Amino acid sequence: MDALSIESAVLWGHSDGAVIAALLGLDAPERVRAVILEAFHYTTQKARSWGWMRSVLATPDSVGERSKAALLRDHGEEWPKVVERNASAWLEIGRIGTPDLYSGKLAELSAPALFIHGANDRRAEPGDLDAVRRAFPTAAVRIIEAGHSPHSELASAEECTRIASEFLEIYS
């Protein structure tokens, strides 16, 4: 934000980006007006995803054609290293991490927050959304018929965008 001379912003983060958006909101509350947290990760113990993380760590090429194309576009020929770093980081977070990624401080996020969650998200841990609701009871939570990427899945993109737009009309 500093590099772009942006004083404050509404942040929309997806998956790991939602973690970053929440952490930014906790770290610099005066600069974050609101957050949309899509496919949010809460716990450090991602047991449901560890097998997948280990497999992509061993074989980055297994991420799928659509993901490979996006990674190649964004990171060039070094994209397998990006996949390896991400998988390694999550495995390490799970090994040494605290129970949640926010050290029990998620409720201290002062910016208005909207959680958008896909009902069929295979990257979400069982109980994560209930834990988010307990930790941050003032946040809005919307569950839609989608997987891990509601904003880009054909069946849910329009609904996800509508929900986010309604939130932004109030808080941006």
N, C-alpha and C. Protein backbone atom coordinates (compact mmCIF):
# COMPACT_ATOMS: atom_id res chain seq x y z
N MET A 1 0.83 -1.18 0.00
CA MET A 1 0.00 0.00 0.00
C MET A 1 0.88 1.25 0.00
N ASP A 2 1.97 1.19 0.75
CA ASP A 2 2.88 2.33 0.76
C ASP A 2 3.47 2.58 -0.63
N ALA A 3 3.89 1.52 -1.30
CA ALA A 3 4.50 1.65 -2.62
C ALA A 3 3.54 2.28 -3.62
N LEU A 4 2.24 2.05 -3.43
CA LEU A 4 1.23 2.61 -4.32
C LEU A 4 0.59 3.88 -3.78
N SER A 5 1.12 4.38 -2.66
CA SER A 5 0.58 5.59 -1.99
C SER A 5 -0.89 5.44 -1.65
N ILE A 6 -1.27 4.28 -1.16
CA ILE A 6 -2.65 4.03 -0.75
C ILE A 6 -2.70 4.16 0.77
N GLU A 7 -3.46 5.12 1.25
CA GLU A 7 -3.54 5.36 2.69
C GLU A 7 -4.39 4.32 3.41
N SER A 8 -5.53 3.98 2.79
CA SER A 8 -6.40 2.98 3.38
C SER A 8 -7.15 2.27 2.27
N ALA A 9 -7.64 1.07 2.59
CA ALA A 9 -8.29 0.28 1.55
C ALA A 9 -9.25 -0.72 2.16
N VAL A 10 -10.14 -1.20 1.33
CA VAL A 10 -10.95 -2.37 1.63
C VAL A 10 -10.19 -3.53 1.00
N LEU A 11 -9.97 -4.59 1.75
CA LEU A 11 -9.21 -5.73 1.25
C LEU A 11 -10.14 -6.92 1.01
N TRP A 12 -9.93 -7.60 -0.10
CA TRP A 12 -10.63 -8.84 -0.40
C TRP A 12 -9.55 -9.88 -0.62
N GLY A 13 -9.48 -10.83 0.29
CA GLY A 13 -8.48 -11.87 0.19
C GLY A 13 -9.13 -13.23 0.05
N HIS A 14 -8.53 -14.06 -0.79
CA HIS A 14 -9.01 -15.43 -1.00
C HIS A 14 -7.98 -16.41 -0.47
N SER A 15 -8.41 -17.38 0.33
CA SER A 15 -7.56 -18.46 0.82
C SER A 15 -6.38 -17.88 1.60
N ASP A 16 -5.15 -18.15 1.18
CA ASP A 16 -4.00 -17.58 1.90
C ASP A 16 -4.06 -16.05 1.88
N GLY A 17 -4.63 -15.49 0.81
CA GLY A 17 -4.79 -14.03 0.73
C GLY A 17 -5.76 -13.51 1.79
N ALA A 18 -6.74 -14.33 2.19
CA ALA A 18 -7.65 -13.94 3.26
C ALA A 18 -6.90 -13.89 4.59
N VAL A 19 -5.98 -14.82 4.77
CA VAL A 19 -5.14 -14.80 5.98
C VAL A 19 -4.33 -13.51 6.00
N ILE A 20 -3.74 -13.16 4.87
CA ILE A 20 -2.93 -11.93 4.78
C ILE A 20 -3.79 -10.71 5.04
N ALA A 21 -4.99 -10.65 4.46
CA ALA A 21 -5.89 -9.50 4.66
C ALA A 21 -6.25 -9.35 6.14
N ALA A 22 -6.57 -10.46 6.80
CA ALA A 22 -6.91 -10.39 8.23
C ALA A 22 -5.70 -9.95 9.05
N LEU A 23 -4.54 -10.48 8.74
CA LEU A 23 -3.33 -10.08 9.48
C LEU A 23 -3.00 -8.61 9.26
N LEU A 24 -3.20 -8.12 8.04
CA LEU A 24 -3.00 -6.68 7.78
C LEU A 24 -3.98 -5.84 8.59
N GLY A 25 -5.23 -6.29 8.62
CA GLY A 25 -6.23 -5.57 9.40
C GLY A 25 -5.90 -5.53 10.88
N LEU A 26 -5.33 -6.61 11.39
CA LEU A 26 -4.92 -6.64 12.81
C LEU A 26 -3.68 -5.78 13.04
N ASP A 27 -2.77 -5.78 12.07
CA ASP A 27 -1.50 -5.07 12.23
C ASP A 27 -1.62 -3.57 11.99
N ALA A 28 -2.48 -3.16 11.07
CA ALA A 28 -2.61 -1.74 10.71
C ALA A 28 -4.09 -1.37 10.61
N PRO A 29 -4.81 -1.41 11.73
CA PRO A 29 -6.27 -1.19 11.68
C PRO A 29 -6.68 0.16 11.10
N GLU A 30 -5.84 1.16 11.24
CA GLU A 30 -6.17 2.49 10.73
C GLU A 30 -6.14 2.55 9.21
N ARG A 31 -5.56 1.54 8.57
CA ARG A 31 -5.42 1.55 7.12
C ARG A 31 -6.38 0.60 6.41
N VAL A 32 -7.08 -0.23 7.18
CA VAL A 32 -7.99 -1.21 6.58
C VAL A 32 -9.42 -0.85 6.96
N ARG A 33 -10.20 -0.41 5.96
CA ARG A 33 -11.57 0.05 6.21
C ARG A 33 -12.55 -1.11 6.37
N ALA A 34 -12.31 -2.20 5.68
CA ALA A 34 -13.17 -3.39 5.74
C ALA A 34 -12.42 -4.54 5.08
N VAL A 35 -12.86 -5.77 5.39
CA VAL A 35 -12.23 -6.94 4.78
C VAL A 35 -13.29 -7.93 4.32
N ILE A 36 -13.04 -8.51 3.15
CA ILE A 36 -13.81 -9.64 2.66
C ILE A 36 -12.85 -10.81 2.70
N LEU A 37 -13.21 -11.83 3.45
CA LEU A 37 -12.34 -12.97 3.68
C LEU A 37 -13.00 -14.21 3.09
N GLU A 38 -12.54 -14.59 1.91
CA GLU A 38 -13.13 -15.69 1.15
C GLU A 38 -12.26 -16.94 1.29
N ALA A 39 -12.91 -18.07 1.56
CA ALA A 39 -12.20 -19.34 1.73
C ALA A 39 -11.12 -19.18 2.80
N PHE A 40 -11.51 -18.64 3.90
CA PHE A 40 -10.64 -18.25 5.02
C PHE A 40 -10.04 -19.47 5.72
N HIS A 41 -8.80 -19.34 6.10
CA HIS A 41 -8.14 -20.36 6.91
C HIS A 41 -8.04 -19.85 8.35
N TYR A 42 -8.43 -20.68 9.29
CA TYR A 42 -8.40 -20.28 10.70
C TYR A 42 -7.39 -21.09 11.51
N THR A 43 -7.50 -22.40 11.47
CA THR A 43 -6.61 -23.21 12.30
C THR A 43 -5.28 -23.47 11.61
N THR A 44 -4.28 -23.74 12.41
CA THR A 44 -2.97 -24.08 11.86
C THR A 44 -2.89 -25.56 11.51
N GLN A 45 -3.71 -26.34 12.13
CA GLN A 45 -3.70 -27.80 11.91
C GLN A 45 -4.58 -28.15 10.71
N LYS A 46 -3.98 -28.17 9.54
CA LYS A 46 -4.71 -28.40 8.29
C LYS A 46 -4.64 -29.88 7.90
N ALA A 47 -4.98 -30.76 8.84
CA ALA A 47 -4.83 -32.21 8.63
C ALA A 47 -5.54 -32.68 7.37
N ARG A 48 -6.67 -32.08 7.07
CA ARG A 48 -7.44 -32.48 5.88
C ARG A 48 -6.66 -32.21 4.59
N SER A 49 -5.74 -31.26 4.64
CA SER A 49 -4.98 -30.86 3.45
C SER A 49 -3.54 -31.37 3.44
N TRP A 50 -3.07 -31.95 4.53
CA TRP A 50 -1.67 -32.35 4.59
C TRP A 50 -1.28 -33.34 3.51
N GLY A 51 -2.12 -34.31 3.21
CA GLY A 51 -1.82 -35.27 2.15
C GLY A 51 -1.65 -34.57 0.82
N TRP A 52 -2.55 -33.64 0.53
CA TRP A 52 -2.46 -32.88 -0.72
C TRP A 52 -1.20 -32.03 -0.73
N MET A 53 -0.89 -31.37 0.38
CA MET A 53 0.32 -30.54 0.44
C MET A 53 1.58 -31.37 0.24
N ARG A 54 1.62 -32.52 0.85
CA ARG A 54 2.78 -33.41 0.67
C ARG A 54 2.90 -33.87 -0.79
N SER A 55 1.76 -34.13 -1.42
CA SER A 55 1.80 -34.60 -2.81
C SER A 55 2.28 -33.49 -3.75
N VAL A 56 1.82 -32.26 -3.57
CA VAL A 56 2.29 -31.18 -4.46
C VAL A 56 3.72 -30.77 -4.13
N LEU A 57 4.14 -30.98 -2.90
CA LEU A 57 5.53 -30.73 -2.55
C LEU A 57 6.42 -31.71 -3.31
N ALA A 58 6.01 -32.96 -3.38
CA ALA A 58 6.77 -33.98 -4.09
C ALA A 58 6.64 -33.85 -5.61
N THR A 59 5.45 -33.42 -6.07
CA THR A 59 5.18 -33.33 -7.51
C THR A 59 4.38 -32.07 -7.79
N PRO A 60 5.06 -30.90 -7.87
CA PRO A 60 4.33 -29.65 -8.10
C PRO A 60 3.46 -29.66 -9.35
N ASP A 61 3.84 -30.46 -10.33
CA ASP A 61 3.10 -30.54 -11.58
C ASP A 61 1.69 -31.10 -11.39
N SER A 62 1.41 -31.67 -10.23
CA SER A 62 0.10 -32.29 -9.98
C SER A 62 -0.99 -31.29 -9.60
N VAL A 63 -0.69 -29.99 -9.59
CA VAL A 63 -1.68 -29.00 -9.17
C VAL A 63 -2.84 -28.84 -10.14
N GLY A 64 -2.70 -29.33 -11.35
CA GLY A 64 -3.78 -29.21 -12.33
C GLY A 64 -3.45 -28.17 -13.38
N GLU A 65 -4.03 -28.35 -14.55
CA GLU A 65 -3.69 -27.49 -15.69
C GLU A 65 -4.07 -26.03 -15.48
N ARG A 66 -5.26 -25.79 -14.94
CA ARG A 66 -5.69 -24.40 -14.73
C ARG A 66 -4.77 -23.68 -13.75
N SER A 67 -4.42 -24.37 -12.66
CA SER A 67 -3.51 -23.78 -11.67
C SER A 67 -2.13 -23.57 -12.26
N LYS A 68 -1.65 -24.55 -13.02
CA LYS A 68 -0.33 -24.42 -13.64
C LYS A 68 -0.28 -23.22 -14.58
N ALA A 69 -1.33 -23.03 -15.37
CA ALA A 69 -1.36 -21.91 -16.30
C ALA A 69 -1.31 -20.58 -15.55
N ALA A 70 -2.08 -20.48 -14.47
CA ALA A 70 -2.06 -19.24 -13.68
C ALA A 70 -0.71 -19.03 -13.02
N LEU A 71 -0.14 -20.08 -12.48
CA LEU A 71 1.17 -19.97 -11.83
C LEU A 71 2.25 -19.60 -12.84
N LEU A 72 2.22 -20.19 -14.01
CA LEU A 72 3.18 -19.86 -15.06
C LEU A 72 3.03 -18.40 -15.47
N ARG A 73 1.79 -17.95 -15.63
CA ARG A 73 1.54 -16.55 -16.01
C ARG A 73 2.07 -15.59 -14.95
N ASP A 74 1.84 -15.91 -13.67
CA ASP A 74 2.20 -15.00 -12.60
C ASP A 74 3.65 -15.11 -12.12
N HIS A 75 4.25 -16.31 -12.27
CA HIS A 75 5.58 -16.52 -11.69
C HIS A 75 6.62 -17.02 -12.68
N GLY A 76 6.23 -17.25 -13.92
CA GLY A 76 7.19 -17.71 -14.92
C GLY A 76 7.59 -19.15 -14.67
N GLU A 77 8.71 -19.52 -15.24
CA GLU A 77 9.19 -20.89 -15.19
C GLU A 77 9.52 -21.37 -13.78
N GLU A 78 9.64 -20.47 -12.86
CA GLU A 78 9.95 -20.82 -11.47
C GLU A 78 8.71 -21.22 -10.67
N TRP A 79 7.54 -21.31 -11.33
CA TRP A 79 6.30 -21.59 -10.62
C TRP A 79 6.35 -22.83 -9.75
N PRO A 80 7.05 -23.92 -10.11
CA PRO A 80 7.07 -25.08 -9.20
C PRO A 80 7.65 -24.74 -7.83
N LYS A 81 8.61 -23.82 -7.80
CA LYS A 81 9.20 -23.42 -6.51
C LYS A 81 8.17 -22.69 -5.64
N VAL A 82 7.27 -21.94 -6.28
CA VAL A 82 6.20 -21.26 -5.54
C VAL A 82 5.30 -22.29 -4.87
N VAL A 83 4.93 -23.32 -5.62
CA VAL A 83 4.09 -24.39 -5.09
C VAL A 83 4.80 -25.09 -3.93
N GLU A 84 6.06 -25.39 -4.12
CA GLU A 84 6.84 -26.07 -3.08
C GLU A 84 6.94 -25.21 -1.81
N ARG A 85 7.21 -23.91 -1.98
CA ARG A 85 7.31 -23.02 -0.80
C ARG A 85 5.99 -22.95 -0.06
N ASN A 86 4.88 -22.85 -0.80
CA ASN A 86 3.57 -22.77 -0.17
C ASN A 86 3.27 -24.04 0.62
N ALA A 87 3.47 -25.19 0.01
CA ALA A 87 3.20 -26.46 0.69
C ALA A 87 4.11 -26.63 1.90
N SER A 88 5.38 -26.30 1.74
CA SER A 88 6.33 -26.40 2.86
C SER A 88 5.93 -25.49 4.01
N ALA A 89 5.52 -24.27 3.68
CA ALA A 89 5.13 -23.32 4.72
C ALA A 89 3.94 -23.83 5.52
N TRP A 90 2.90 -24.34 4.82
CA TRP A 90 1.73 -24.84 5.53
C TRP A 90 2.06 -26.05 6.38
N LEU A 91 2.91 -26.93 5.88
CA LEU A 91 3.30 -28.09 6.69
C LEU A 91 4.07 -27.66 7.93
N GLU A 92 4.91 -26.66 7.79
CA GLU A 92 5.67 -26.15 8.94
C GLU A 92 4.75 -25.42 9.92
N ILE A 93 3.83 -24.63 9.42
CA ILE A 93 2.86 -23.94 10.30
C ILE A 93 2.10 -24.97 11.12
N GLY A 94 1.67 -26.04 10.48
CA GLY A 94 0.95 -27.09 11.19
C GLY A 94 1.79 -27.79 12.23
N ARG A 95 3.08 -27.91 11.95
CA ARG A 95 3.97 -28.60 12.87
C ARG A 95 4.25 -27.77 14.13
N ILE A 96 4.45 -26.47 13.97
CA ILE A 96 4.87 -25.65 15.11
C ILE A 96 3.85 -24.60 15.53
N GLY A 97 2.76 -24.49 14.79
CA GLY A 97 1.83 -23.38 14.98
C GLY A 97 1.02 -23.41 16.25
N THR A 98 0.47 -22.26 16.56
CA THR A 98 -0.49 -22.11 17.64
C THR A 98 -1.83 -22.68 17.15
N PRO A 99 -2.82 -22.83 18.01
CA PRO A 99 -4.09 -23.40 17.54
C PRO A 99 -4.74 -22.64 16.39
N ASP A 100 -4.62 -21.31 16.38
CA ASP A 100 -5.16 -20.57 15.25
C ASP A 100 -4.10 -19.63 14.69
N LEU A 101 -4.28 -19.24 13.44
CA LEU A 101 -3.29 -18.42 12.74
C LEU A 101 -3.20 -16.99 13.27
N TYR A 102 -4.08 -16.61 14.17
CA TYR A 102 -4.17 -15.22 14.62
C TYR A 102 -3.86 -15.10 16.11
N SER A 103 -3.31 -16.15 16.69
CA SER A 103 -2.92 -16.17 18.11
C SER A 103 -4.05 -15.74 19.03
N GLY A 104 -5.27 -16.13 18.69
CA GLY A 104 -6.42 -15.81 19.52
C GLY A 104 -6.90 -14.37 19.41
N LYS A 105 -6.41 -13.61 18.43
CA LYS A 105 -6.72 -12.19 18.34
C LYS A 105 -7.67 -11.81 17.20
N LEU A 106 -8.29 -12.78 16.56
CA LEU A 106 -9.14 -12.45 15.41
C LEU A 106 -10.24 -11.47 15.78
N ALA A 107 -10.81 -11.60 16.96
CA ALA A 107 -11.89 -10.69 17.38
C ALA A 107 -11.42 -9.25 17.54
N GLU A 108 -10.10 -9.04 17.58
CA GLU A 108 -9.55 -7.69 17.68
C GLU A 108 -9.53 -6.96 16.34
N LEU A 109 -9.88 -7.67 15.27
CA LEU A 109 -9.96 -7.04 13.96
C LEU A 109 -11.07 -6.00 14.02
N SER A 110 -10.71 -4.73 13.90
CA SER A 110 -11.69 -3.67 14.07
C SER A 110 -12.44 -3.34 12.79
N ALA A 111 -11.91 -3.71 11.66
CA ALA A 111 -12.58 -3.43 10.39
C ALA A 111 -13.81 -4.32 10.26
N PRO A 112 -14.89 -3.81 9.67
CA PRO A 112 -16.02 -4.68 9.37
C PRO A 112 -15.54 -5.85 8.50
N ALA A 113 -16.05 -7.04 8.78
CA ALA A 113 -15.57 -8.22 8.07
C ALA A 113 -16.73 -9.05 7.53
N LEU A 114 -16.53 -9.55 6.32
CA LEU A 114 -17.45 -10.47 5.68
C LEU A 114 -16.67 -11.73 5.32
N PHE A 115 -17.12 -12.86 5.80
CA PHE A 115 -16.55 -14.15 5.44
C PHE A 115 -17.45 -14.78 4.39
N ILE A 116 -16.88 -15.13 3.24
CA ILE A 116 -17.61 -15.85 2.21
C ILE A 116 -16.99 -17.23 2.14
N HIS A 117 -17.84 -18.23 2.31
CA HIS A 117 -17.33 -19.59 2.42
C HIS A 117 -18.10 -20.51 1.49
N GLY A 118 -17.38 -21.34 0.76
CA GLY A 118 -18.01 -22.35 -0.08
C GLY A 118 -18.43 -23.55 0.75
N ALA A 119 -19.67 -23.95 0.64
CA ALA A 119 -20.19 -25.08 1.43
C ALA A 119 -19.43 -26.37 1.15
N ASN A 120 -18.80 -26.47 -0.01
CA ASN A 120 -18.08 -27.68 -0.40
C ASN A 120 -16.58 -27.46 -0.51
N ASP A 121 -16.06 -26.56 0.30
CA ASP A 121 -14.63 -26.22 0.28
C ASP A 121 -13.82 -27.36 0.89
N ARG A 122 -13.06 -28.07 0.05
CA ARG A 122 -12.25 -29.19 0.52
C ARG A 122 -10.97 -28.74 1.21
N ARG A 123 -10.63 -27.46 1.16
CA ARG A 123 -9.44 -26.95 1.83
C ARG A 123 -9.76 -26.40 3.22
N ALA A 124 -11.04 -26.33 3.55
CA ALA A 124 -11.44 -25.87 4.88
C ALA A 124 -11.43 -27.05 5.84
N GLU A 125 -10.97 -26.81 7.02
CA GLU A 125 -10.97 -27.86 8.04
C GLU A 125 -12.33 -27.94 8.71
N PRO A 126 -12.78 -29.15 9.04
CA PRO A 126 -14.04 -29.27 9.77
C PRO A 126 -13.98 -28.46 11.06
N GLY A 127 -15.00 -27.69 11.30
CA GLY A 127 -15.07 -26.89 12.52
C GLY A 127 -14.45 -25.51 12.41
N ASP A 128 -13.73 -25.22 11.32
CA ASP A 128 -13.10 -23.90 11.19
C ASP A 128 -14.12 -22.76 11.21
N LEU A 129 -15.19 -22.92 10.44
CA LEU A 129 -16.17 -21.84 10.36
C LEU A 129 -16.86 -21.62 11.71
N ASP A 130 -17.14 -22.69 12.43
CA ASP A 130 -17.71 -22.54 13.78
C ASP A 130 -16.72 -21.84 14.69
N ALA A 131 -15.44 -22.16 14.57
CA ALA A 131 -14.41 -21.51 15.38
C ALA A 131 -14.32 -20.02 15.03
N VAL A 132 -14.44 -19.69 13.75
CA VAL A 132 -14.43 -18.28 13.34
C VAL A 132 -15.62 -17.56 13.98
N ARG A 133 -16.79 -18.18 13.93
CA ARG A 133 -17.98 -17.54 14.51
C ARG A 133 -17.82 -17.31 16.02
N ARG A 134 -17.20 -18.26 16.71
CA ARG A 134 -16.96 -18.08 18.15
C ARG A 134 -15.91 -17.00 18.41
N ALA A 135 -14.87 -17.00 17.61
CA ALA A 135 -13.77 -16.05 17.81
C ALA A 135 -14.14 -14.63 17.38
N PHE A 136 -15.03 -14.51 16.41
CA PHE A 136 -15.34 -13.19 15.84
C PHE A 136 -16.85 -13.10 15.60
N PRO A 137 -17.64 -13.06 16.69
CA PRO A 137 -19.10 -13.13 16.57
C PRO A 137 -19.75 -11.95 15.85
N THR A 138 -19.06 -10.83 15.72
CA THR A 138 -19.66 -9.67 15.05
C THR A 138 -19.50 -9.69 13.54
N ALA A 139 -18.72 -10.62 13.01
CA ALA A 139 -18.48 -10.69 11.57
C ALA A 139 -19.68 -11.29 10.85
N ALA A 140 -19.88 -10.84 9.63
CA ALA A 140 -20.91 -11.43 8.77
C ALA A 140 -20.33 -12.67 8.11
N VAL A 141 -21.12 -13.73 8.07
CA VAL A 141 -20.69 -14.99 7.45
C VAL A 141 -21.74 -15.40 6.43
N ARG A 142 -21.29 -15.64 5.21
CA ARG A 142 -22.19 -16.10 4.15
C ARG A 142 -21.63 -17.39 3.58
N ILE A 143 -22.42 -18.43 3.61
CA ILE A 143 -22.04 -19.72 3.05
C ILE A 143 -22.83 -19.90 1.76
N ILE A 144 -22.10 -20.16 0.68
CA ILE A 144 -22.77 -20.34 -0.60
C ILE A 144 -22.38 -21.70 -1.20
N GLU A 145 -23.17 -22.14 -2.15
CA GLU A 145 -22.93 -23.42 -2.80
C GLU A 145 -21.74 -23.27 -3.73
N ALA A 146 -20.57 -23.64 -3.22
CA ALA A 146 -19.32 -23.48 -3.98
C ALA A 146 -18.25 -24.35 -3.33
N GLY A 147 -17.13 -24.42 -4.00
CA GLY A 147 -15.96 -25.09 -3.45
C GLY A 147 -15.01 -24.08 -2.83
N HIS A 148 -13.73 -24.22 -3.09
CA HIS A 148 -12.72 -23.38 -2.47
C HIS A 148 -12.58 -21.99 -3.10
N SER A 149 -13.15 -21.79 -4.25
CA SER A 149 -12.95 -20.52 -4.94
C SER A 149 -14.27 -19.94 -5.45
N PRO A 150 -15.15 -19.53 -4.53
CA PRO A 150 -16.47 -19.04 -4.94
C PRO A 150 -16.44 -17.91 -5.96
N HIS A 151 -15.43 -17.03 -5.89
CA HIS A 151 -15.39 -15.90 -6.81
C HIS A 151 -15.10 -16.29 -8.25
N SER A 152 -14.48 -17.46 -8.46
CA SER A 152 -14.11 -17.83 -9.82
C SER A 152 -14.79 -19.09 -10.35
N GLU A 153 -15.60 -19.73 -9.55
CA GLU A 153 -16.32 -20.90 -10.03
C GLU A 153 -17.57 -20.44 -10.78
N LEU A 154 -17.81 -21.04 -11.93
CA LEU A 154 -18.92 -20.60 -12.78
C LEU A 154 -20.25 -20.59 -12.05
N ALA A 155 -20.51 -21.60 -11.24
CA ALA A 155 -21.81 -21.73 -10.57
C ALA A 155 -21.99 -20.74 -9.42
N SER A 156 -20.91 -20.15 -8.91
CA SER A 156 -21.03 -19.30 -7.72
C SER A 156 -20.48 -17.89 -7.88
N ALA A 157 -19.79 -17.61 -8.96
CA ALA A 157 -19.13 -16.30 -9.11
C ALA A 157 -20.11 -15.14 -9.01
N GLU A 158 -21.25 -15.27 -9.66
CA GLU A 158 -22.23 -14.18 -9.64
C GLU A 158 -22.76 -13.94 -8.22
N GLU A 159 -23.09 -15.01 -7.52
CA GLU A 159 -23.59 -14.85 -6.15
C GLU A 159 -22.51 -14.29 -5.23
N CYS A 160 -21.30 -14.76 -5.37
CA CYS A 160 -20.19 -14.26 -4.56
C CYS A 160 -19.99 -12.76 -4.79
N THR A 161 -20.01 -12.37 -6.06
CA THR A 161 -19.84 -10.96 -6.41
C THR A 161 -20.98 -10.11 -5.85
N ARG A 162 -22.20 -10.62 -5.94
CA ARG A 162 -23.36 -9.88 -5.41
C ARG A 162 -23.22 -9.68 -3.90
N ILE A 163 -22.86 -10.74 -3.18
CA ILE A 163 -22.70 -10.66 -1.73
C ILE A 163 -21.61 -9.65 -1.37
N ALA A 164 -20.50 -9.72 -2.07
CA ALA A 164 -19.40 -8.78 -1.81
C ALA A 164 -19.82 -7.35 -2.15
N SER A 165 -20.52 -7.18 -3.24
CA SER A 165 -20.97 -5.83 -3.65
C SER A 165 -21.90 -5.21 -2.63
N GLU A 166 -22.82 -6.01 -2.09
CA GLU A 166 -23.73 -5.51 -1.05
C GLU A 166 -22.96 -5.07 0.18
N PHE A 167 -21.98 -5.86 0.57
CA PHE A 167 -21.12 -5.50 1.71
C PHE A 167 -20.35 -4.21 1.42
N LEU A 168 -19.79 -4.11 0.22
CA LEU A 168 -19.00 -2.94 -0.14
C LEU A 168 -19.84 -1.67 -0.21
N GLU A 169 -21.10 -1.79 -0.60
CA GLU A 169 -21.98 -0.62 -0.63
C GLU A 169 -22.11 -0.01 0.76
N ILE A 170 -22.07 -0.83 1.76
CA ILE A 170 -22.19 -0.35 3.14
C ILE A 170 -20.86 0.14 3.70
N TYR A 171 -19.77 -0.58 3.41
CA TYR A 171 -18.52 -0.34 4.12
C TYR A 171 -17.37 0.27 3.31
N SER A 172 -17.58 0.60 2.06
CA SER A 172 -16.45 1.18 1.34
C SER A 172 -16.59 2.68 1.20
